[in-house]
Amino acid sequence: MEAKEAKAYLKYVRISPRKVKIVLDLIRGKDAATAMAILKNTPKSASEYLVKLLKSAVANAENNFGMDVSKLYVSECFVCPGPTLKRIMPRAQGRAFRIMKRTSHITLAVKEKE
């Protein structure tokens, strides 16, 4: 029997996927309580979004699938690039440089340990 998986998605977050990936690598495979502790003590801007997302995934597991919160672990977490906002920065001699304001789509899944 395949173990159930509860997912949570966060889309169009105004933070570069590259910055989010660094923090996701810290919590992949950890149990939910440890992952939450790691996120709360990580001084990265991405961890703020991920705390909220992890809480959401745990709540989904508890309310939608009736899983035991103490047995949950982060089974899967990844980030995909969302649409990029293109802005222009004026430079010397009438030139214009492009500024890419990147967005992210983050997915976080939790499973119950057997």
PDB file of N, CA and C in Angstrom:
ATOM      1  N   MET A   1       0.836  -1.199   0.000  1.00  0.00           N
ATOM      2  CA  MET A   1       0.000   0.000   0.000  1.00  0.00           C
ATOM      3  C   MET A   1       0.879   1.261   0.000  1.00  0.00           C
ATOM      4  N   GLU A   2       0.593   2.156  -0.898  1.00  0.00           N
ATOM      5  CA  GLU A   2       1.355   3.410  -1.009  1.00  0.00           C
ATOM      6  C   GLU A   2       0.954   4.364   0.121  1.00  0.00           C
ATOM      7  N   ALA A   3       1.967   4.901   0.797  1.00  0.00           N
ATOM      8  CA  ALA A   3       1.694   5.849   1.883  1.00  0.00           C
ATOM      9  C   ALA A   3       1.116   7.135   1.307  1.00  0.00           C
ATOM     10  N   LYS A   4       0.132   7.694   2.029  1.00  0.00           N
ATOM     11  CA  LYS A   4      -0.477   8.945   1.577  1.00  0.00           C
ATOM     12  C   LYS A   4       0.500  10.103   1.747  1.00  0.00           C
ATOM     13  N   GLU A   5       0.340  11.079   0.903  1.00  0.00           N
ATOM     14  CA  GLU A   5       1.231  12.241   0.922  1.00  0.00           C
ATOM     15  C   GLU A   5       0.375  13.505   0.926  1.00  0.00           C
ATOM     16  N   ALA A   6       0.661  14.418   1.846  1.00  0.00           N
ATOM     17  CA  ALA A   6      -0.066  15.687   1.894  1.00  0.00           C
ATOM     18  C   ALA A   6       0.837  16.775   1.335  1.00  0.00           C
ATOM     19  N   LYS A   7       0.316  17.543   0.384  1.00  0.00           N
ATOM     20  CA  LYS A   7       1.125  18.574  -0.259  1.00  0.00           C
ATOM     21  C   LYS A   7       0.603  19.972   0.045  1.00  0.00           C
ATOM     22  N   ALA A   8       1.512  20.932  -0.093  1.00  0.00           N
ATOM     23  CA  ALA A   8       1.133  22.345  -0.001  1.00  0.00           C
ATOM     24  C   ALA A   8       1.927  23.083  -1.065  1.00  0.00           C
ATOM     25  N   TYR A   9       1.282  24.040  -1.710  1.00  0.00           N
ATOM     26  CA  TYR A   9       1.926  24.800  -2.787  1.00  0.00           C
ATOM     27  C   TYR A   9       1.950  26.283  -2.437  1.00  0.00           C
ATOM     28  N   LEU A  10       3.006  26.943  -2.860  1.00  0.00           N
ATOM     29  CA  LEU A  10       3.108  28.389  -2.699  1.00  0.00           C
ATOM     30  C   LEU A  10       3.549  28.924  -4.053  1.00  0.00           C
ATOM     31  N   LYS A  11       2.689  29.711  -4.690  1.00  0.00           N
ATOM     32  CA  LYS A  11       2.998  30.146  -6.051  1.00  0.00           C
ATOM     33  C   LYS A  11       3.201  31.652  -6.150  1.00  0.00           C
ATOM     34  N   TYR A  12       3.951  32.042  -7.146  1.00  0.00           N
ATOM     35  CA  TYR A  12       4.237  33.462  -7.459  1.00  0.00           C
ATOM     36  C   TYR A  12       4.885  34.210  -6.295  1.00  0.00           C
ATOM     37  N   VAL A  13       5.800  33.537  -5.584  1.00  0.00           N
ATOM     38  CA  VAL A  13       6.497  34.175  -4.465  1.00  0.00           C
ATOM     39  C   VAL A  13       7.601  35.058  -5.040  1.00  0.00           C
ATOM     40  N   ARG A  14       7.692  36.302  -4.584  1.00  0.00           N
ATOM     41  CA  ARG A  14       8.688  37.231  -5.122  1.00  0.00           C
ATOM     42  C   ARG A  14      10.066  37.006  -4.492  1.00  0.00           C
ATOM     43  N   ILE A  15      10.629  35.842  -4.772  1.00  0.00           N
ATOM     44  CA  ILE A  15      11.980  35.525  -4.320  1.00  0.00           C
ATOM     45  C   ILE A  15      12.579  34.572  -5.347  1.00  0.00           C
ATOM     46  N   SER A  16      13.857  34.711  -5.596  1.00  0.00           N
ATOM     47  CA  SER A  16      14.530  33.909  -6.618  1.00  0.00           C
ATOM     48  C   SER A  16      14.551  32.427  -6.227  1.00  0.00           C
ATOM     49  N   PRO A  17      14.289  31.514  -7.182  1.00  0.00           N
ATOM     50  CA  PRO A  17      14.286  30.080  -6.883  1.00  0.00           C
ATOM     51  C   PRO A  17      15.627  29.608  -6.314  1.00  0.00           C
ATOM     52  N   ARG A  18      16.681  30.260  -6.758  1.00  0.00           N
ATOM     53  CA  ARG A  18      18.030  29.904  -6.318  1.00  0.00           C
ATOM     54  C   ARG A  18      18.198  30.104  -4.804  1.00  0.00           C
ATOM     55  N   LYS A  19      17.578  31.158  -4.283  1.00  0.00           N
ATOM     56  CA  LYS A  19      17.656  31.460  -2.849  1.00  0.00           C
ATOM     57  C   LYS A  19      16.801  30.487  -2.037  1.00  0.00           C
ATOM     58  N   VAL A  20      15.679  30.075  -2.625  1.00  0.00           N
ATOM     59  CA  VAL A  20      14.774  29.155  -1.927  1.00  0.00           C
ATOM     60  C   VAL A  20      15.397  27.764  -1.851  1.00  0.00           C
ATOM     61  N   LYS A  21      16.057  27.340  -2.933  1.00  0.00           N
ATOM     62  CA  LYS A  21      16.648  26.002  -3.029  1.00  0.00           C
ATOM     63  C   LYS A  21      17.637  25.743  -1.893  1.00  0.00           C
ATOM     64  N   ILE A  22      18.427  26.746  -1.537  1.00  0.00           N
ATOM     65  CA  ILE A  22      19.419  26.631  -0.461  1.00  0.00           C
ATOM     66  C   ILE A  22      18.743  26.208   0.843  1.00  0.00           C
ATOM     67  N   VAL A  23      17.600  26.830   1.156  1.00  0.00           N
ATOM     68  CA  VAL A  23      16.902  26.531   2.405  1.00  0.00           C
ATOM     69  C   VAL A  23      16.165  25.191   2.316  1.00  0.00           C
ATOM     70  N   LEU A  24      15.612  24.868   1.138  1.00  0.00           N
ATOM     71  CA  LEU A  24      14.909  23.594   0.967  1.00  0.00           C
ATOM     72  C   LEU A  24      15.848  22.405   1.174  1.00  0.00           C
ATOM     73  N   ASP A  25      17.101  22.555   0.722  1.00  0.00           N
ATOM     74  CA  ASP A  25      18.083  21.484   0.881  1.00  0.00           C
ATOM     75  C   ASP A  25      18.351  21.161   2.353  1.00  0.00           C
ATOM     76  N   LEU A  26      18.142  22.157   3.239  1.00  0.00           N
ATOM     77  CA  LEU A  26      18.372  21.955   4.674  1.00  0.00           C
ATOM     78  C   LEU A  26      17.308  21.064   5.314  1.00  0.00           C
ATOM     79  N   ILE A  27      16.062  21.129   4.795  1.00  0.00           N
ATOM     80  CA  ILE A  27      14.958  20.416   5.470  1.00  0.00           C
ATOM     81  C   ILE A  27      14.504  19.141   4.767  1.00  0.00           C
ATOM     82  N   ARG A  28      15.012  18.853   3.572  1.00  0.00           N
ATOM     83  CA  ARG A  28      14.582  17.661   2.822  1.00  0.00           C
ATOM     84  C   ARG A  28      14.873  16.387   3.613  1.00  0.00           C
ATOM     85  N   GLY A  29      13.840  15.560   3.818  1.00  0.00           N
ATOM     86  CA  GLY A  29      14.008  14.288   4.514  1.00  0.00           C
ATOM     87  C   GLY A  29      13.935  14.361   6.035  1.00  0.00           C
ATOM     88  N   LYS A  30      13.904  15.547   6.605  1.00  0.00           N
ATOM     89  CA  LYS A  30      13.840  15.702   8.066  1.00  0.00           C
ATOM     90  C   LYS A  30      12.387  15.534   8.537  1.00  0.00           C
ATOM     91  N   ASP A  31      12.217  15.196   9.822  1.00  0.00           N
ATOM     92  CA  ASP A  31      10.847  15.120  10.322  1.00  0.00           C
ATOM     93  C   ASP A  31      10.308  16.540  10.527  1.00  0.00           C
ATOM     94  N   ALA A  32       8.989  16.659  10.554  1.00  0.00           N
ATOM     95  CA  ALA A  32       8.318  17.971  10.526  1.00  0.00           C
ATOM     96  C   ALA A  32       8.757  18.906  11.655  1.00  0.00           C
ATOM     97  N   ALA A  33       8.884  18.380  12.870  1.00  0.00           N
ATOM     98  CA  ALA A  33       9.260  19.212  14.012  1.00  0.00           C
ATOM     99  C   ALA A  33      10.690  19.746  13.865  1.00  0.00           C
ATOM    100  N   THR A  34      11.603  18.877  13.426  1.00  0.00           N
ATOM    101  CA  THR A  34      12.997  19.280  13.203  1.00  0.00           C
ATOM    102  C   THR A  34      13.085  20.309  12.083  1.00  0.00           C
ATOM    103  N   ALA A  35      12.355  20.056  11.004  1.00  0.00           N
ATOM    104  CA  ALA A  35      12.345  20.968   9.858  1.00  0.00           C
ATOM    105  C   ALA A  35      11.869  22.356  10.277  1.00  0.00           C
ATOM    106  N   MET A  36      10.838  22.397  11.113  1.00  0.00           N
ATOM    107  CA  MET A  36      10.295  23.675  11.593  1.00  0.00           C
ATOM    108  C   MET A  36      11.342  24.404  12.429  1.00  0.00           C
ATOM    109  N   ALA A  37      12.046  23.669  13.295  1.00  0.00           N
ATOM    110  CA  ALA A  37      13.087  24.259  14.138  1.00  0.00           C
ATOM    111  C   ALA A  37      14.226  24.820  13.281  1.00  0.00           C
ATOM    112  N   ILE A  38      14.614  24.066  12.250  1.00  0.00           N
ATOM    113  CA  ILE A  38      15.682  24.513  11.342  1.00  0.00           C
ATOM    114  C   ILE A  38      15.266  25.807  10.643  1.00  0.00           C
ATOM    115  N   LEU A  39      14.032  25.831  10.128  1.00  0.00           N
ATOM    116  CA  LEU A  39      13.537  27.007   9.403  1.00  0.00           C
ATOM    117  C   LEU A  39      13.473  28.245  10.291  1.00  0.00           C
ATOM    118  N   LYS A  40      13.033  28.051  11.533  1.00  0.00           N
ATOM    119  CA  LYS A  40      12.897  29.193  12.440  1.00  0.00           C
ATOM    120  C   LYS A  40      14.248  29.778  12.852  1.00  0.00           C
ATOM    121  N   ASN A  41      15.324  28.969  12.743  1.00  0.00           N
ATOM    122  CA  ASN A  41      16.648  29.437  13.130  1.00  0.00           C
ATOM    123  C   ASN A  41      17.572  29.695  11.940  1.00  0.00           C
ATOM    124  N   THR A  42      17.004  29.719  10.736  1.00  0.00           N
ATOM    125  CA  THR A  42      17.807  29.987   9.537  1.00  0.00           C
ATOM    126  C   THR A  42      17.613  31.442   9.137  1.00  0.00           C
ATOM    127  N   PRO A  43      18.700  32.229   9.119  1.00  0.00           N
ATOM    128  CA  PRO A  43      18.575  33.655   8.799  1.00  0.00           C
ATOM    129  C   PRO A  43      18.516  33.930   7.292  1.00  0.00           C
ATOM    130  N   LYS A  44      17.580  33.297   6.598  1.00  0.00           N
ATOM    131  CA  LYS A  44      17.403  33.520   5.162  1.00  0.00           C
ATOM    132  C   LYS A  44      15.979  34.009   4.935  1.00  0.00           C
ATOM    133  N   SER A  45      15.803  34.877   3.945  1.00  0.00           N
ATOM    134  CA  SER A  45      14.461  35.420   3.696  1.00  0.00           C
ATOM    135  C   SER A  45      13.479  34.341   3.250  1.00  0.00           C
ATOM    136  N   ALA A  46      13.976  33.283   2.615  1.00  0.00           N
ATOM    137  CA  ALA A  46      13.112  32.207   2.134  1.00  0.00           C
ATOM    138  C   ALA A  46      12.494  31.415   3.281  1.00  0.00           C
ATOM    139  N   SER A  47      13.180  31.363   4.423  1.00  0.00           N
ATOM    140  CA  SER A  47      12.687  30.529   5.520  1.00  0.00           C
ATOM    141  C   SER A  47      11.346  31.022   6.070  1.00  0.00           C
ATOM    142  N   GLU A  48      11.107  32.320   5.954  1.00  0.00           N
ATOM    143  CA  GLU A  48       9.830  32.896   6.398  1.00  0.00           C
ATOM    144  C   GLU A  48       8.650  32.292   5.616  1.00  0.00           C
ATOM    145  N   TYR A  49       8.804  32.205   4.292  1.00  0.00           N
ATOM    146  CA  TYR A  49       7.765  31.619   3.438  1.00  0.00           C
ATOM    147  C   TYR A  49       7.627  30.122   3.711  1.00  0.00           C
ATOM    148  N   LEU A  50       8.762  29.449   3.921  1.00  0.00           N
ATOM    149  CA  LEU A  50       8.749  28.004   4.081  1.00  0.00           C
ATOM    150  C   LEU A  50       8.149  27.552   5.418  1.00  0.00           C
ATOM    151  N   VAL A  51       8.263  28.387   6.463  1.00  0.00           N
ATOM    152  CA  VAL A  51       7.628  28.081   7.750  1.00  0.00           C
ATOM    153  C   VAL A  51       6.118  27.989   7.539  1.00  0.00           C
ATOM    154  N   LYS A  52       5.582  28.984   6.827  1.00  0.00           N
ATOM    155  CA  LYS A  52       4.150  29.039   6.553  1.00  0.00           C
ATOM    156  C   LYS A  52       3.700  27.839   5.710  1.00  0.00           C
ATOM    157  N   LEU A  53       4.532  27.502   4.717  1.00  0.00           N
ATOM    158  CA  LEU A  53       4.218  26.403   3.810  1.00  0.00           C
ATOM    159  C   LEU A  53       4.249  25.059   4.540  1.00  0.00           C
ATOM    160  N   LEU A  54       5.223  24.866   5.407  1.00  0.00           N
ATOM    161  CA  LEU A  54       5.329  23.617   6.179  1.00  0.00           C
ATOM    162  C   LEU A  54       4.135  23.461   7.118  1.00  0.00           C
ATOM    163  N   LYS A  55       3.736  24.568   7.779  1.00  0.00           N
ATOM    164  CA  LYS A  55       2.560  24.543   8.653  1.00  0.00           C
ATOM    165  C   LYS A  55       1.324  24.124   7.863  1.00  0.00           C
ATOM    166  N   SER A  56       1.205  24.656   6.649  1.00  0.00           N
ATOM    167  CA  SER A  56       0.076  24.353   5.784  1.00  0.00           C
ATOM    168  C   SER A  56       0.061  22.875   5.390  1.00  0.00           C
ATOM    169  N   ALA A  57       1.231  22.334   5.017  1.00  0.00           N
ATOM    170  CA  ALA A  57       1.330  20.927   4.619  1.00  0.00           C
ATOM    171  C   ALA A  57       0.973  20.003   5.785  1.00  0.00           C
ATOM    172  N   VAL A  58       1.437  20.353   6.987  1.00  0.00           N
ATOM    173  CA  VAL A  58       1.137  19.558   8.184  1.00  0.00           C
ATOM    174  C   VAL A  58      -0.365  19.613   8.497  1.00  0.00           C
ATOM    175  N   ALA A  59      -0.951  20.803   8.365  1.00  0.00           N
ATOM    176  CA  ALA A  59      -2.395  20.960   8.597  1.00  0.00           C
ATOM    177  C   ALA A  59      -3.197  20.156   7.575  1.00  0.00           C
ATOM    178  N   ASN A  60      -2.751  20.160   6.313  1.00  0.00           N
ATOM    179  CA  ASN A  60      -3.421  19.364   5.270  1.00  0.00           C
ATOM    180  C   ASN A  60      -3.370  17.876   5.617  1.00  0.00           C
ATOM    181  N   ALA A  61      -2.207  17.422   6.079  1.00  0.00           N
ATOM    182  CA  ALA A  61      -2.028  16.009   6.441  1.00  0.00           C
ATOM    183  C   ALA A  61      -2.977  15.612   7.569  1.00  0.00           C
ATOM    184  N   GLU A  62      -3.063  16.498   8.562  1.00  0.00           N
ATOM    185  CA  GLU A  62      -3.888  16.207   9.741  1.00  0.00           C
ATOM    186  C   GLU A  62      -5.375  16.245   9.419  1.00  0.00           C
ATOM    187  N   ASN A  63      -5.805  17.309   8.735  1.00  0.00           N
ATOM    188  CA  ASN A  63      -7.244  17.505   8.507  1.00  0.00           C
ATOM    189  C   ASN A  63      -7.814  16.738   7.312  1.00  0.00           C
ATOM    190  N   ASN A  64      -7.036  16.618   6.235  1.00  0.00           N
ATOM    191  CA  ASN A  64      -7.566  15.973   5.025  1.00  0.00           C
ATOM    192  C   ASN A  64      -7.296  14.474   4.980  1.00  0.00           C
ATOM    193  N   PHE A  65      -6.201  14.025   5.593  1.00  0.00           N
ATOM    194  CA  PHE A  65      -5.833  12.608   5.508  1.00  0.00           C
ATOM    195  C   PHE A  65      -5.812  11.904   6.862  1.00  0.00           C
ATOM    196  N   GLY A  66      -6.041  12.654   7.943  1.00  0.00           N
ATOM    197  CA  GLY A  66      -6.070  12.065   9.280  1.00  0.00           C
ATOM    198  C   GLY A  66      -4.748  11.445   9.712  1.00  0.00           C
ATOM    199  N   MET A  67      -3.630  12.027   9.275  1.00  0.00           N
ATOM    200  CA  MET A  67      -2.307  11.500   9.632  1.00  0.00           C
ATOM    201  C   MET A  67      -1.905  11.955  11.032  1.00  0.00           C
ATOM    202  N   ASP A  68      -0.976  11.208  11.627  1.00  0.00           N
ATOM    203  CA  ASP A  68      -0.450  11.540  12.959  1.00  0.00           C
ATOM    204  C   ASP A  68       0.682  12.557  12.792  1.00  0.00           C
ATOM    205  N   VAL A  69       0.509  13.745  13.355  1.00  0.00           N
ATOM    206  CA  VAL A  69       1.461  14.856  13.181  1.00  0.00           C
ATOM    207  C   VAL A  69       2.861  14.501  13.676  1.00  0.00           C
ATOM    208  N   SER A  70       2.944  13.703  14.744  1.00  0.00           N
ATOM    209  CA  SER A  70       4.258  13.369  15.309  1.00  0.00           C
ATOM    210  C   SER A  70       5.084  12.442  14.408  1.00  0.00           C
ATOM    211  N   LYS A  71       4.419  11.765  13.458  1.00  0.00           N
ATOM    212  CA  LYS A  71       5.126  10.831  12.569  1.00  0.00           C
ATOM    213  C   LYS A  71       5.473  11.436  11.206  1.00  0.00           C
ATOM    214  N   LEU A  72       5.113  12.708  10.993  1.00  0.00           N
ATOM    215  CA  LEU A  72       5.323  13.309   9.675  1.00  0.00           C
ATOM    216  C   LEU A  72       6.774  13.702   9.409  1.00  0.00           C
ATOM    217  N   TYR A  73       7.170  13.546   8.129  1.00  0.00           N
ATOM    218  CA  TYR A  73       8.483  14.029   7.701  1.00  0.00           C
ATOM    219  C   TYR A  73       8.368  14.654   6.314  1.00  0.00           C
ATOM    220  N   VAL A  74       9.318  15.510   5.952  1.00  0.00           N
ATOM    221  CA  VAL A  74       9.308  16.189   4.656  1.00  0.00           C
ATOM    222  C   VAL A  74       9.775  15.192   3.607  1.00  0.00           C
ATOM    223  N   SER A  75       8.834  14.631   2.835  1.00  0.00           N
ATOM    224  CA  SER A  75       9.181  13.597   1.863  1.00  0.00           C
ATOM    225  C   SER A  75       9.678  14.190   0.552  1.00  0.00           C
ATOM    226  N   GLU A  76       9.174  15.359   0.226  1.00  0.00           N
ATOM    227  CA  GLU A  76       9.518  15.960  -1.069  1.00  0.00           C
ATOM    228  C   GLU A  76       9.411  17.475  -0.950  1.00  0.00           C
ATOM    229  N   CYS A  77      10.401  18.184  -1.484  1.00  0.00           N
ATOM    230  CA  CYS A  77      10.301  19.636  -1.532  1.00  0.00           C
ATOM    231  C   CYS A  77      11.163  20.149  -2.682  1.00  0.00           C
ATOM    232  N   PHE A  78      10.563  20.972  -3.495  1.00  0.00           N
ATOM    233  CA  PHE A  78      11.310  21.526  -4.628  1.00  0.00           C
ATOM    234  C   PHE A  78      10.759  22.884  -5.013  1.00  0.00           C
ATOM    235  N   VAL A  79      11.529  23.602  -5.823  1.00  0.00           N
ATOM    236  CA  VAL A  79      11.117  24.928  -6.277  1.00  0.00           C
ATOM    237  C   VAL A  79      11.271  25.003  -7.788  1.00  0.00           C
ATOM    238  N   CYS A  80      10.288  25.614  -8.447  1.00  0.00           N
ATOM    239  CA  CYS A  80      10.345  25.834  -9.885  1.00  0.00           C
ATOM    240  C   CYS A  80      10.271  27.344 -10.130  1.00  0.00           C
ATOM    241  N   PRO A  81      10.945  27.833 -11.180  1.00  0.00           N
ATOM    242  CA  PRO A  81      10.850  29.265 -11.465  1.00  0.00           C
ATOM    243  C   PRO A  81       9.456  29.648 -11.954  1.00  0.00           C
ATOM    244  N   GLY A  82       8.937  30.748 -11.441  1.00  0.00           N
ATOM    245  CA  GLY A  82       7.664  31.284 -11.910  1.00  0.00           C
ATOM    246  C   GLY A  82       7.952  32.324 -12.986  1.00  0.00           C
ATOM    247  N   PRO A  83       6.978  33.137 -13.354  1.00  0.00           N
ATOM    248  CA  PRO A  83       7.221  34.175 -14.352  1.00  0.00           C
ATOM    249  C   PRO A  83       8.181  35.234 -13.829  1.00  0.00           C
ATOM    250  N   THR A  84       9.008  35.754 -14.707  1.00  0.00           N
ATOM    251  CA  THR A  84       9.990  36.765 -14.323  1.00  0.00           C
ATOM    252  C   THR A  84       9.464  38.153 -14.682  1.00  0.00           C
ATOM    253  N   LEU A  85       9.518  39.066 -13.709  1.00  0.00           N
ATOM    254  CA  LEU A  85       9.128  40.456 -13.979  1.00  0.00           C
ATOM    255  C   LEU A  85      10.347  41.163 -14.549  1.00  0.00           C
ATOM    256  N   LYS A  86      10.194  41.758 -15.725  1.00  0.00           N
ATOM    257  CA  LYS A  86      11.332  42.425 -16.345  1.00  0.00           C
ATOM    258  C   LYS A  86      11.237  43.924 -16.111  1.00  0.00           C
ATOM    259  N   ARG A  87      12.288  44.486 -15.542  1.00  0.00           N
ATOM    260  CA  ARG A  87      12.339  45.914 -15.253  1.00  0.00           C
ATOM    261  C   ARG A  87      13.564  46.513 -15.905  1.00  0.00           C
ATOM    262  N   ILE A  88      13.573  47.838 -16.062  1.00  0.00           N
ATOM    263  CA  ILE A  88      14.700  48.488 -16.723  1.00  0.00           C
ATOM    264  C   ILE A  88      15.388  49.458 -15.790  1.00  0.00           C
ATOM    265  N   MET A  89      16.724  49.414 -15.775  1.00  0.00           N
ATOM    266  CA  MET A  89      17.549  50.291 -14.959  1.00  0.00           C
ATOM    267  C   MET A  89      18.328  51.207 -15.894  1.00  0.00           C
ATOM    268  N   PRO A  90      18.119  52.523 -15.804  1.00  0.00           N
ATOM    269  CA  PRO A  90      18.871  53.439 -16.664  1.00  0.00           C
ATOM    270  C   PRO A  90      20.362  53.403 -16.320  1.00  0.00           C
ATOM    271  N   ARG A  91      21.214  53.390 -17.355  1.00  0.00           N
ATOM    272  CA  ARG A  91      22.651  53.376 -17.149  1.00  0.00           C
ATOM    273  C   ARG A  91      23.276  54.563 -17.900  1.00  0.00           C
ATOM    274  N   ALA A  92      24.580  54.635 -17.852  1.00  0.00           N
ATOM    275  CA  ALA A  92      25.292  55.760 -18.463  1.00  0.00           C
ATOM    276  C   ALA A  92      25.092  55.817 -19.978  1.00  0.00           C
ATOM    277  N   GLN A  93      25.167  57.012 -20.515  1.00  0.00           N
ATOM    278  CA  GLN A  93      25.112  57.280 -21.957  1.00  0.00           C
ATOM    279  C   GLN A  93      23.823  56.759 -22.608  1.00  0.00           C
ATOM    280  N   GLY A  94      22.705  56.888 -21.895  1.00  0.00           N
ATOM    281  CA  GLY A  94      21.409  56.547 -22.481  1.00  0.00           C
ATOM    282  C   GLY A  94      21.127  55.068 -22.622  1.00  0.00           C
ATOM    283  N   ARG A  95      21.974  54.247 -22.065  1.00  0.00           N
ATOM    284  CA  ARG A  95      21.724  52.803 -22.157  1.00  0.00           C
ATOM    285  C   ARG A  95      20.697  52.384 -21.103  1.00  0.00           C
ATOM    286  N   ALA A  96      20.114  51.189 -21.331  1.00  0.00           N
ATOM    287  CA  ALA A  96      19.169  50.643 -20.353  1.00  0.00           C
ATOM    288  C   ALA A  96      19.542  49.202 -20.072  1.00  0.00           C
ATOM    289  N   PHE A  97      19.724  48.867 -18.808  1.00  0.00           N
ATOM    290  CA  PHE A  97      20.037  47.496 -18.427  1.00  0.00           C
ATOM    291  C   PHE A  97      18.773  46.830 -17.915  1.00  0.00           C
ATOM    292  N   ARG A  98      18.687  45.540 -18.142  1.00  0.00           N
ATOM    293  CA  ARG A  98      17.529  44.781 -17.738  1.00  0.00           C
ATOM    294  C   ARG A  98      17.689  44.239 -16.324  1.00  0.00           C
ATOM    295  N   ILE A  99      16.656  44.387 -15.515  1.00  0.00           N
ATOM    296  CA  ILE A  99      16.650  43.786 -14.187  1.00  0.00           C
ATOM    297  C   ILE A  99      15.587  42.694 -14.189  1.00  0.00           C
ATOM    298  N   MET A 100      15.991  41.491 -13.798  1.00  0.00           N
ATOM    299  CA  MET A 100      15.062  40.363 -13.748  1.00  0.00           C
ATOM    300  C   MET A 100      14.601  40.179 -12.305  1.00  0.00           C
ATOM    301  N   LYS A 101      13.321  40.419 -12.065  1.00  0.00           N
ATOM    302  CA  LYS A 101      12.776  40.176 -10.736  1.00  0.00           C
ATOM    303  C   LYS A 101      12.104  38.806 -10.790  1.00  0.00           C
ATOM    304  N   ARG A 102      12.794  37.826 -10.240  1.00  0.00           N
ATOM    305  CA  ARG A 102      12.351  36.442 -10.391  1.00  0.00           C
ATOM    306  C   ARG A 102      11.301  36.041  -9.354  1.00  0.00           C
ATOM    307  N   THR A 103      10.438  35.109  -9.761  1.00  0.00           N
ATOM    308  CA  THR A 103       9.426  34.572  -8.847  1.00  0.00           C
ATOM    309  C   THR A 103       9.581  33.055  -8.769  1.00  0.00           C
ATOM    310  N   SER A 104       8.977  32.458  -7.750  1.00  0.00           N
ATOM    311  CA  SER A 104       9.112  31.023  -7.520  1.00  0.00           C
ATOM    312  C   SER A 104       7.760  30.356  -7.281  1.00  0.00           C
ATOM    313  N   HIS A 105       7.705  29.078  -7.652  1.00  0.00           N
ATOM    314  CA  HIS A 105       6.591  28.205  -7.281  1.00  0.00           C
ATOM    315  C   HIS A 105       7.206  27.122  -6.392  1.00  0.00           C
ATOM    316  N   ILE A 106       6.791  27.072  -5.125  1.00  0.00           N
ATOM    317  CA  ILE A 106       7.379  26.117  -4.185  1.00  0.00           C
ATOM    318  C   ILE A 106       6.370  25.011  -3.861  1.00  0.00           C
ATOM    319  N   THR A 107       6.843  23.759  -3.851  1.00  0.00           N
ATOM    320  CA  THR A 107       6.004  22.613  -3.504  1.00  0.00           C
ATOM    321  C   THR A 107       6.646  21.883  -2.334  1.00  0.00           C
ATOM    322  N   LEU A 108       5.845  21.550  -1.327  1.00  0.00           N
ATOM    323  CA  LEU A 108       6.338  20.841  -0.152  1.00  0.00           C
ATOM    324  C   LEU A 108       5.364  19.723   0.184  1.00  0.00           C
ATOM    325  N   ALA A 109       5.877  18.493   0.318  1.00  0.00           N
ATOM    326  CA  ALA A 109       5.023  17.344   0.629  1.00  0.00           C
ATOM    327  C   ALA A 109       5.501  16.677   1.910  1.00  0.00           C
ATOM    328  N   VAL A 110       4.544  16.224   2.715  1.00  0.00           N
ATOM    329  CA  VAL A 110       4.879  15.473   3.933  1.00  0.00           C
ATOM    330  C   VAL A 110       4.224  14.099   3.886  1.00  0.00           C
ATOM    331  N   LYS A 111       4.935  13.112   4.433  1.00  0.00           N
ATOM    332  CA  LYS A 111       4.433  11.741   4.525  1.00  0.00           C
ATOM    333  C   LYS A 111       4.554  11.278   5.962  1.00  0.00           C
ATOM    334  N   GLU A 112       3.833  10.166   6.265  1.00  0.00           N
ATOM    335  CA  GLU A 112       3.906   9.563   7.583  1.00  0.00           C
ATOM    336  C   GLU A 112       4.992   8.484   7.563  1.00  0.00           C
ATOM    337  N   LYS A 113       5.830   8.436   8.609  1.00  0.00           N
ATOM    338  CA  LYS A 113       6.833   7.379   8.717  1.00  0.00           C
ATOM    339  C   LYS A 113       6.130   6.055   9.034  1.00  0.00           C
ATOM    340  N   GLU A 114       6.620   5.002   8.407  1.00  0.00           N
ATOM    341  CA  GLU A 114       6.027   3.674   8.652  1.00  0.00           C
ATOM    342  C   GLU A 114       6.420   3.157  10.022  1.00  0.00           C
TER     343      GLU A 114
END
